[in-house]
Amino acid sequence: MGRSRDLADGSYIADGSIVQADLASGVVGTGPAFYAYGTASVTPSANTSTKVKFNTEGFDTASCYDNATNYRFTTNVAGYYQINVGINMTSGVNRLMAMIYKNGSEYASTDINASTVKLVTTGLVYLNGSTDYVEGYTWNSQGGVAVFNNINTFFSGCLVRAA
């Protein structure tokens, strides 16, 4: 193997062997990431924010996503996270929202006034690495309209920059 560039202490790292501890503070490296989706439909009440139970993990690189009880992401690394919530509903909704909640309160949302069946919201969220958490919610203007939990209704996130 060839040599990569010099480290601050004057030593070298062989190409391809850099690990998180070798990176400067604030560099992402192999930070936490997750992708989850649900396996059962939920029918929210009209005009009520409803947590979506994303109970199936596609991946969870640092075991930070709870897919069994709280359906939330609580990271173990402080930093800035790209969080995404995708909602797929049956047609006939006058207004639909996909929402990111942080620590139990709405943090970011996207909504549309139409008979749309799929909506995604994203946000860059600072999480403190211990007690902060995020969850995926939905809201719609009509009761009795099912949220389909499948790969089109998802909750995901990854570390963008460590604190």
N, C-alpha and C. Protein backbone atom coordinates (compact mmCIF):
# COMPACT_ATOMS: atom_id res chain seq x y z
N MET A 1 0.82 -1.18 0.00
CA MET A 1 0.00 0.00 0.00
C MET A 1 0.86 1.24 0.00
N GLY A 2 0.38 2.29 -0.67
CA GLY A 2 1.08 3.56 -0.66
C GLY A 2 0.78 4.32 0.61
N ARG A 3 1.48 5.42 0.76
CA ARG A 3 1.24 6.25 1.93
C ARG A 3 0.23 7.33 1.60
N SER A 4 -0.61 7.66 2.57
CA SER A 4 -1.51 8.78 2.39
C SER A 4 -0.82 10.01 2.96
N ARG A 5 -1.50 11.09 3.10
CA ARG A 5 -0.87 12.33 3.55
C ARG A 5 -0.44 12.29 5.01
N ASP A 6 0.40 13.23 5.37
CA ASP A 6 0.91 13.33 6.73
C ASP A 6 -0.20 13.67 7.71
N LEU A 7 -0.09 13.11 8.90
CA LEU A 7 -0.96 13.49 10.01
C LEU A 7 -0.31 14.66 10.74
N ALA A 8 -1.07 15.31 11.60
CA ALA A 8 -0.56 16.46 12.34
C ALA A 8 0.68 16.13 13.15
N ASP A 9 0.77 14.88 13.62
CA ASP A 9 1.92 14.51 14.46
C ASP A 9 3.12 14.05 13.63
N GLY A 10 3.04 14.15 12.30
CA GLY A 10 4.16 13.79 11.43
C GLY A 10 4.16 12.34 10.98
N SER A 11 3.25 11.51 11.50
CA SER A 11 3.17 10.11 11.09
C SER A 11 2.34 9.98 9.82
N TYR A 12 2.32 8.76 9.27
CA TYR A 12 1.57 8.49 8.06
C TYR A 12 0.51 7.43 8.33
N ILE A 13 -0.54 7.43 7.52
CA ILE A 13 -1.57 6.40 7.58
C ILE A 13 -1.57 5.71 6.23
N ALA A 14 -1.56 4.38 6.25
CA ALA A 14 -1.63 3.63 4.99
C ALA A 14 -2.96 3.90 4.32
N ASP A 15 -2.97 3.99 3.00
CA ASP A 15 -4.21 4.24 2.26
C ASP A 15 -5.29 3.26 2.66
N GLY A 16 -6.49 3.77 2.89
CA GLY A 16 -7.63 2.91 3.21
C GLY A 16 -7.74 2.50 4.66
N SER A 17 -6.84 2.94 5.53
CA SER A 17 -6.90 2.49 6.92
C SER A 17 -7.26 3.60 7.90
N ILE A 18 -7.86 4.68 7.42
CA ILE A 18 -8.25 5.77 8.30
C ILE A 18 -9.55 5.40 9.03
N VAL A 19 -9.54 5.56 10.34
CA VAL A 19 -10.73 5.27 11.15
C VAL A 19 -11.22 6.57 11.79
N GLN A 20 -12.39 6.54 12.43
CA GLN A 20 -12.99 7.74 13.02
C GLN A 20 -12.02 8.47 13.95
N ALA A 21 -11.29 7.75 14.77
CA ALA A 21 -10.38 8.38 15.72
C ALA A 21 -9.26 9.17 15.04
N ASP A 22 -8.95 8.86 13.78
CA ASP A 22 -7.90 9.56 13.05
C ASP A 22 -8.39 10.87 12.44
N LEU A 23 -9.70 11.10 12.43
CA LEU A 23 -10.26 12.28 11.79
C LEU A 23 -10.29 13.46 12.75
N ALA A 24 -10.27 14.66 12.20
CA ALA A 24 -10.37 15.86 13.01
C ALA A 24 -11.76 15.96 13.62
N SER A 25 -11.89 16.73 14.70
CA SER A 25 -13.21 16.92 15.29
C SER A 25 -14.12 17.59 14.26
N GLY A 26 -15.39 17.24 14.27
CA GLY A 26 -16.33 17.81 13.33
C GLY A 26 -16.43 17.08 12.02
N VAL A 27 -15.59 16.07 11.80
CA VAL A 27 -15.64 15.30 10.56
C VAL A 27 -16.51 14.07 10.80
N VAL A 28 -17.37 13.76 9.85
CA VAL A 28 -18.37 12.73 10.05
C VAL A 28 -17.79 11.33 10.16
N GLY A 29 -17.06 10.88 9.18
CA GLY A 29 -16.55 9.51 9.21
C GLY A 29 -17.67 8.49 9.20
N THR A 30 -17.73 7.63 10.20
CA THR A 30 -18.72 6.56 10.25
C THR A 30 -19.76 6.82 11.33
N GLY A 31 -20.37 7.98 11.32
CA GLY A 31 -21.37 8.33 12.32
C GLY A 31 -22.66 7.55 12.16
N PRO A 32 -23.56 7.66 13.13
CA PRO A 32 -24.83 6.93 13.11
C PRO A 32 -25.70 7.26 11.90
N ALA A 33 -26.38 6.25 11.39
CA ALA A 33 -27.33 6.40 10.29
C ALA A 33 -28.40 5.32 10.46
N PHE A 34 -29.65 5.63 10.04
CA PHE A 34 -30.71 4.64 10.13
C PHE A 34 -31.72 4.85 9.01
N TYR A 35 -32.46 3.80 8.74
CA TYR A 35 -33.59 3.83 7.80
C TYR A 35 -34.63 2.86 8.35
N ALA A 36 -35.86 3.34 8.52
CA ALA A 36 -36.92 2.50 9.06
C ALA A 36 -38.21 2.74 8.29
N TYR A 37 -39.06 1.73 8.30
CA TYR A 37 -40.39 1.85 7.69
C TYR A 37 -41.34 0.97 8.50
N GLY A 38 -42.63 1.13 8.26
CA GLY A 38 -43.61 0.37 9.02
C GLY A 38 -44.15 -0.81 8.23
N THR A 39 -44.83 -1.71 8.92
CA THR A 39 -45.40 -2.88 8.27
C THR A 39 -46.92 -2.96 8.39
N ALA A 40 -47.53 -1.97 9.03
CA ALA A 40 -48.99 -1.96 9.17
C ALA A 40 -49.49 -0.54 8.94
N SER A 41 -50.70 -0.41 8.42
CA SER A 41 -51.28 0.91 8.19
C SER A 41 -51.79 1.50 9.49
N VAL A 42 -51.84 2.82 9.55
CA VAL A 42 -52.41 3.53 10.69
C VAL A 42 -53.41 4.53 10.11
N THR A 43 -54.50 4.78 10.83
CA THR A 43 -55.51 5.72 10.37
C THR A 43 -55.62 6.86 11.38
N PRO A 44 -54.96 7.99 11.10
CA PRO A 44 -55.00 9.12 12.03
C PRO A 44 -56.37 9.77 12.08
N SER A 45 -56.69 10.39 13.20
CA SER A 45 -57.90 11.20 13.31
C SER A 45 -57.70 12.50 12.55
N ALA A 46 -58.80 13.11 12.12
CA ALA A 46 -58.72 14.38 11.40
C ALA A 46 -58.10 15.46 12.27
N ASN A 47 -57.25 16.27 11.66
CA ASN A 47 -56.64 17.43 12.30
C ASN A 47 -55.89 17.10 13.59
N THR A 48 -55.29 15.92 13.64
CA THR A 48 -54.54 15.47 14.81
C THR A 48 -53.17 14.97 14.39
N SER A 49 -52.12 15.49 15.02
CA SER A 49 -50.77 14.98 14.75
C SER A 49 -50.67 13.57 15.31
N THR A 50 -50.17 12.66 14.49
CA THR A 50 -50.11 11.25 14.87
C THR A 50 -48.72 10.70 14.60
N LYS A 51 -48.10 10.10 15.62
CA LYS A 51 -46.79 9.47 15.42
C LYS A 51 -46.97 8.23 14.57
N VAL A 52 -46.09 8.07 13.58
CA VAL A 52 -46.12 6.89 12.73
C VAL A 52 -45.16 5.86 13.32
N LYS A 53 -45.61 4.63 13.43
CA LYS A 53 -44.80 3.56 14.01
C LYS A 53 -43.95 2.91 12.92
N PHE A 54 -42.77 3.44 12.74
CA PHE A 54 -41.80 2.88 11.79
C PHE A 54 -41.12 1.72 12.50
N ASN A 55 -41.70 0.51 12.41
CA ASN A 55 -41.26 -0.60 13.26
C ASN A 55 -40.31 -1.59 12.59
N THR A 56 -39.89 -1.33 11.38
CA THR A 56 -38.96 -2.23 10.69
C THR A 56 -37.72 -1.46 10.27
N GLU A 57 -36.56 -1.94 10.70
CA GLU A 57 -35.31 -1.29 10.34
C GLU A 57 -34.76 -1.85 9.04
N GLY A 58 -34.45 -0.96 8.11
CA GLY A 58 -33.68 -1.36 6.94
C GLY A 58 -32.21 -1.47 7.34
N PHE A 59 -31.77 -0.46 8.12
CA PHE A 59 -30.44 -0.49 8.74
C PHE A 59 -30.41 0.47 9.91
N ASP A 60 -29.50 0.23 10.83
CA ASP A 60 -29.29 1.06 12.01
C ASP A 60 -27.84 0.85 12.41
N THR A 61 -26.96 1.70 11.90
CA THR A 61 -25.52 1.45 12.01
C THR A 61 -24.96 1.53 13.43
N ALA A 62 -25.66 2.21 14.33
CA ALA A 62 -25.13 2.37 15.69
C ALA A 62 -26.15 1.97 16.76
N SER A 63 -27.17 1.22 16.38
CA SER A 63 -28.22 0.79 17.32
C SER A 63 -28.83 1.97 18.08
N CYS A 64 -29.12 3.05 17.37
CA CYS A 64 -29.69 4.25 17.98
C CYS A 64 -31.19 4.40 17.70
N TYR A 65 -31.74 3.57 16.81
CA TYR A 65 -33.16 3.68 16.49
C TYR A 65 -33.95 2.63 17.26
N ASP A 66 -35.00 3.05 17.95
CA ASP A 66 -35.89 2.15 18.71
C ASP A 66 -37.07 1.80 17.82
N ASN A 67 -37.08 0.61 17.27
CA ASN A 67 -38.15 0.17 16.37
C ASN A 67 -39.19 -0.70 17.08
N ALA A 68 -39.13 -0.78 18.41
CA ALA A 68 -40.04 -1.67 19.13
C ALA A 68 -40.98 -0.95 20.09
N THR A 69 -40.56 0.14 20.68
CA THR A 69 -41.36 0.79 21.72
C THR A 69 -41.70 2.24 21.39
N ASN A 70 -40.68 3.08 21.24
CA ASN A 70 -40.90 4.51 21.07
C ASN A 70 -40.82 5.00 19.62
N TYR A 71 -40.28 4.19 18.74
CA TYR A 71 -40.16 4.54 17.32
C TYR A 71 -39.47 5.90 17.16
N ARG A 72 -38.30 6.01 17.79
CA ARG A 72 -37.56 7.26 17.75
C ARG A 72 -36.07 7.00 17.60
N PHE A 73 -35.37 8.02 17.14
CA PHE A 73 -33.93 7.99 16.95
C PHE A 73 -33.30 8.86 18.03
N THR A 74 -32.49 8.23 18.89
CA THR A 74 -31.74 8.92 19.94
C THR A 74 -30.28 8.57 19.71
N THR A 75 -29.53 9.50 19.21
CA THR A 75 -28.16 9.20 18.80
C THR A 75 -27.18 9.19 19.97
N ASN A 76 -26.03 8.58 19.75
CA ASN A 76 -24.97 8.55 20.75
C ASN A 76 -23.78 9.42 20.35
N VAL A 77 -23.95 10.24 19.31
CA VAL A 77 -22.90 11.16 18.85
C VAL A 77 -23.54 12.54 18.66
N ALA A 78 -23.03 13.54 19.38
CA ALA A 78 -23.55 14.90 19.21
C ALA A 78 -23.20 15.42 17.83
N GLY A 79 -24.15 16.09 17.21
CA GLY A 79 -23.87 16.67 15.91
C GLY A 79 -25.12 17.07 15.16
N TYR A 80 -24.94 17.33 13.89
CA TYR A 80 -26.00 17.79 13.00
C TYR A 80 -26.43 16.63 12.11
N TYR A 81 -27.71 16.35 12.10
CA TYR A 81 -28.25 15.18 11.40
C TYR A 81 -29.25 15.59 10.33
N GLN A 82 -29.13 14.96 9.18
CA GLN A 82 -30.14 15.10 8.14
C GLN A 82 -31.23 14.09 8.47
N ILE A 83 -32.44 14.56 8.74
CA ILE A 83 -33.57 13.70 9.11
C ILE A 83 -34.63 13.81 8.01
N ASN A 84 -35.23 12.69 7.65
CA ASN A 84 -36.21 12.63 6.57
C ASN A 84 -37.43 11.83 7.02
N VAL A 85 -38.62 12.32 6.69
CA VAL A 85 -39.86 11.60 6.94
C VAL A 85 -40.67 11.60 5.65
N GLY A 86 -41.02 10.41 5.17
CA GLY A 86 -41.85 10.28 3.98
C GLY A 86 -43.18 9.64 4.36
N ILE A 87 -44.27 10.24 3.91
CA ILE A 87 -45.62 9.75 4.22
C ILE A 87 -46.33 9.42 2.92
N ASN A 88 -46.94 8.25 2.87
CA ASN A 88 -47.70 7.79 1.72
C ASN A 88 -49.11 7.49 2.19
N MET A 89 -50.11 8.25 1.69
CA MET A 89 -51.49 8.09 2.15
C MET A 89 -52.39 7.72 0.98
N THR A 90 -53.56 7.20 1.35
CA THR A 90 -54.57 6.96 0.33
C THR A 90 -55.03 8.30 -0.23
N SER A 91 -55.58 8.29 -1.41
CA SER A 91 -56.03 9.54 -2.02
C SER A 91 -57.26 10.07 -1.31
N GLY A 92 -57.59 11.32 -1.57
CA GLY A 92 -58.77 11.93 -0.98
C GLY A 92 -58.47 12.83 0.20
N VAL A 93 -57.20 13.13 0.46
CA VAL A 93 -56.83 14.02 1.55
C VAL A 93 -56.79 15.44 1.00
N ASN A 94 -57.47 16.36 1.66
CA ASN A 94 -57.42 17.76 1.22
C ASN A 94 -56.11 18.42 1.62
N ARG A 95 -55.61 18.09 2.80
CA ARG A 95 -54.34 18.64 3.26
C ARG A 95 -53.58 17.55 4.01
N LEU A 96 -52.32 17.39 3.68
CA LEU A 96 -51.46 16.34 4.25
C LEU A 96 -50.17 16.97 4.74
N MET A 97 -49.66 16.49 5.89
CA MET A 97 -48.38 16.95 6.41
C MET A 97 -47.49 15.76 6.76
N ALA A 98 -46.20 15.91 6.50
CA ALA A 98 -45.16 15.01 6.99
C ALA A 98 -44.33 15.85 7.95
N MET A 99 -44.09 15.34 9.17
CA MET A 99 -43.47 16.16 10.20
C MET A 99 -42.32 15.45 10.91
N ILE A 100 -41.32 16.24 11.27
CA ILE A 100 -40.23 15.79 12.13
C ILE A 100 -40.48 16.42 13.50
N TYR A 101 -40.51 15.59 14.53
CA TYR A 101 -40.63 16.07 15.90
C TYR A 101 -39.27 15.90 16.58
N LYS A 102 -38.87 16.92 17.36
CA LYS A 102 -37.66 16.82 18.18
C LYS A 102 -38.07 16.99 19.63
N ASN A 103 -37.73 16.02 20.45
CA ASN A 103 -38.02 16.05 21.89
C ASN A 103 -39.50 16.31 22.16
N GLY A 104 -40.39 15.74 21.34
CA GLY A 104 -41.82 15.82 21.57
C GLY A 104 -42.53 17.01 20.96
N SER A 105 -41.82 17.89 20.25
CA SER A 105 -42.44 19.06 19.64
C SER A 105 -42.11 19.12 18.15
N GLU A 106 -43.03 19.71 17.38
CA GLU A 106 -42.79 19.82 15.94
C GLU A 106 -41.55 20.64 15.67
N TYR A 107 -40.68 20.12 14.83
CA TYR A 107 -39.42 20.78 14.47
C TYR A 107 -39.46 21.27 13.03
N ALA A 108 -39.93 20.41 12.13
CA ALA A 108 -40.01 20.76 10.71
C ALA A 108 -41.18 20.02 10.10
N SER A 109 -41.78 20.62 9.07
CA SER A 109 -42.90 19.95 8.40
C SER A 109 -43.02 20.45 6.97
N THR A 110 -43.67 19.65 6.19
CA THR A 110 -44.02 20.01 4.82
C THR A 110 -45.48 19.64 4.66
N ASP A 111 -46.24 20.53 4.02
CA ASP A 111 -47.63 20.19 3.80
C ASP A 111 -48.06 20.62 2.41
N ILE A 112 -49.16 20.06 1.96
CA ILE A 112 -49.68 20.36 0.64
C ILE A 112 -51.20 20.30 0.69
N ASN A 113 -51.84 21.17 -0.04
CA ASN A 113 -53.29 21.19 -0.17
C ASN A 113 -53.65 20.58 -1.51
N ALA A 114 -53.89 19.31 -1.52
CA ALA A 114 -54.24 18.60 -2.75
C ALA A 114 -54.54 17.16 -2.41
N SER A 115 -54.92 16.40 -3.39
CA SER A 115 -55.16 14.97 -3.18
C SER A 115 -53.87 14.20 -3.43
N THR A 116 -52.80 14.66 -2.84
CA THR A 116 -51.50 14.02 -2.99
C THR A 116 -51.44 12.77 -2.12
N VAL A 117 -50.73 11.77 -2.58
CA VAL A 117 -50.64 10.55 -1.81
C VAL A 117 -49.26 10.34 -1.21
N LYS A 118 -48.27 11.17 -1.56
CA LYS A 118 -46.93 10.97 -1.02
C LYS A 118 -46.29 12.33 -0.78
N LEU A 119 -45.67 12.49 0.38
CA LEU A 119 -45.05 13.74 0.78
C LEU A 119 -43.83 13.45 1.63
N VAL A 120 -42.76 14.21 1.43
CA VAL A 120 -41.52 14.02 2.19
C VAL A 120 -41.12 15.35 2.81
N THR A 121 -40.69 15.32 4.07
CA THR A 121 -40.09 16.50 4.69
C THR A 121 -38.69 16.13 5.16
N THR A 122 -37.80 17.11 5.13
CA THR A 122 -36.42 16.90 5.58
C THR A 122 -36.03 18.06 6.47
N GLY A 123 -35.04 17.85 7.29
CA GLY A 123 -34.53 18.92 8.14
C GLY A 123 -33.15 18.59 8.64
N LEU A 124 -32.37 19.62 8.87
CA LEU A 124 -31.06 19.48 9.49
C LEU A 124 -31.26 19.77 10.97
N VAL A 125 -31.02 18.79 11.82
CA VAL A 125 -31.37 18.87 13.24
C VAL A 125 -30.12 18.65 14.08
N TYR A 126 -29.89 19.53 15.05
CA TYR A 126 -28.80 19.30 16.00
C TYR A 126 -29.32 18.37 17.10
N LEU A 127 -28.58 17.31 17.38
CA LEU A 127 -28.90 16.37 18.47
C LEU A 127 -27.69 16.30 19.39
N ASN A 128 -27.93 16.32 20.70
CA ASN A 128 -26.84 16.44 21.67
C ASN A 128 -26.07 15.14 21.94
N GLY A 129 -26.50 14.03 21.36
CA GLY A 129 -25.75 12.78 21.52
C GLY A 129 -26.12 11.98 22.76
N SER A 130 -27.12 12.44 23.53
CA SER A 130 -27.51 11.68 24.71
C SER A 130 -29.03 11.70 24.93
N THR A 131 -29.62 12.86 25.12
CA THR A 131 -31.05 12.91 25.46
C THR A 131 -31.96 13.39 24.34
N ASP A 132 -31.43 14.10 23.36
CA ASP A 132 -32.27 14.57 22.24
C ASP A 132 -32.72 13.39 21.39
N TYR A 133 -33.95 13.48 20.85
CA TYR A 133 -34.45 12.45 19.98
C TYR A 133 -35.36 13.06 18.92
N VAL A 134 -35.55 12.33 17.83
CA VAL A 134 -36.46 12.75 16.77
C VAL A 134 -37.43 11.61 16.45
N GLU A 135 -38.63 12.00 15.97
CA GLU A 135 -39.69 11.05 15.64
C GLU A 135 -40.37 11.52 14.36
N GLY A 136 -41.04 10.60 13.68
CA GLY A 136 -41.80 10.93 12.48
C GLY A 136 -43.29 10.98 12.76
N TYR A 137 -43.94 12.05 12.33
CA TYR A 137 -45.38 12.25 12.54
C TYR A 137 -46.07 12.56 11.22
N THR A 138 -47.37 12.43 11.23
CA THR A 138 -48.19 12.86 10.11
C THR A 138 -49.42 13.59 10.64
N TRP A 139 -50.05 14.35 9.77
CA TRP A 139 -51.28 15.07 10.08
C TRP A 139 -52.06 15.17 8.78
N ASN A 140 -53.37 15.01 8.86
CA ASN A 140 -54.18 15.25 7.66
C ASN A 140 -55.50 15.88 8.05
N SER A 141 -56.14 16.47 7.07
CA SER A 141 -57.36 17.24 7.32
C SER A 141 -58.61 16.37 7.42
N GLN A 142 -58.51 15.11 7.10
CA GLN A 142 -59.68 14.24 7.12
C GLN A 142 -59.40 12.98 7.92
N GLY A 143 -60.32 12.58 8.76
CA GLY A 143 -60.18 11.33 9.49
C GLY A 143 -60.48 10.16 8.59
N GLY A 144 -60.05 8.98 8.99
CA GLY A 144 -60.37 7.77 8.27
C GLY A 144 -59.55 7.53 7.02
N VAL A 145 -58.48 8.31 6.82
CA VAL A 145 -57.62 8.12 5.66
C VAL A 145 -56.36 7.42 6.12
N ALA A 146 -56.09 6.25 5.57
CA ALA A 146 -55.00 5.41 6.05
C ALA A 146 -53.63 5.89 5.58
N VAL A 147 -52.66 5.80 6.47
CA VAL A 147 -51.25 5.96 6.12
C VAL A 147 -50.74 4.56 5.81
N PHE A 148 -50.24 4.35 4.62
CA PHE A 148 -49.70 3.06 4.27
C PHE A 148 -48.27 2.97 4.75
N ASN A 149 -48.00 2.00 5.59
CA ASN A 149 -46.65 1.79 6.07
C ASN A 149 -45.98 0.74 5.20
N ASN A 150 -45.08 1.21 4.38
CA ASN A 150 -44.28 0.37 3.50
C ASN A 150 -43.04 1.17 3.14
N ILE A 151 -42.31 0.77 2.15
CA ILE A 151 -41.07 1.48 1.83
C ILE A 151 -41.31 2.91 1.37
N ASN A 152 -42.54 3.27 1.01
CA ASN A 152 -42.84 4.65 0.62
C ASN A 152 -43.18 5.54 1.81
N THR A 153 -43.40 4.95 2.97
CA THR A 153 -43.58 5.68 4.22
C THR A 153 -42.36 5.33 5.06
N PHE A 154 -41.47 6.30 5.23
CA PHE A 154 -40.17 5.98 5.83
C PHE A 154 -39.70 7.08 6.77
N PHE A 155 -38.69 6.73 7.57
CA PHE A 155 -38.06 7.62 8.52
C PHE A 155 -36.57 7.30 8.45
N SER A 156 -35.76 8.31 8.19
CA SER A 156 -34.33 8.02 8.05
C SER A 156 -33.51 9.22 8.51
N GLY A 157 -32.24 8.97 8.74
CA GLY A 157 -31.35 10.04 9.13
C GLY A 157 -29.91 9.60 9.18
N CYS A 158 -29.01 10.59 9.12
CA CYS A 158 -27.58 10.30 9.21
C CYS A 158 -26.84 11.53 9.72
N LEU A 159 -25.72 11.27 10.34
CA LEU A 159 -24.85 12.33 10.84
C LEU A 159 -24.21 13.04 9.66
N VAL A 160 -24.37 14.35 9.61
CA VAL A 160 -23.77 15.17 8.56
C VAL A 160 -22.46 15.79 9.02
N ARG A 161 -22.47 16.25 10.29
CA ARG A 161 -21.27 16.85 10.86
C ARG A 161 -21.30 16.68 12.37
N ALA A 162 -20.24 16.14 12.92
CA ALA A 162 -20.14 16.00 14.37
C ALA A 162 -20.01 17.37 15.01
N ALA A 163 -20.45 17.48 16.26
CA ALA A 163 -20.37 18.78 16.96
C ALA A 163 -18.97 19.08 17.39
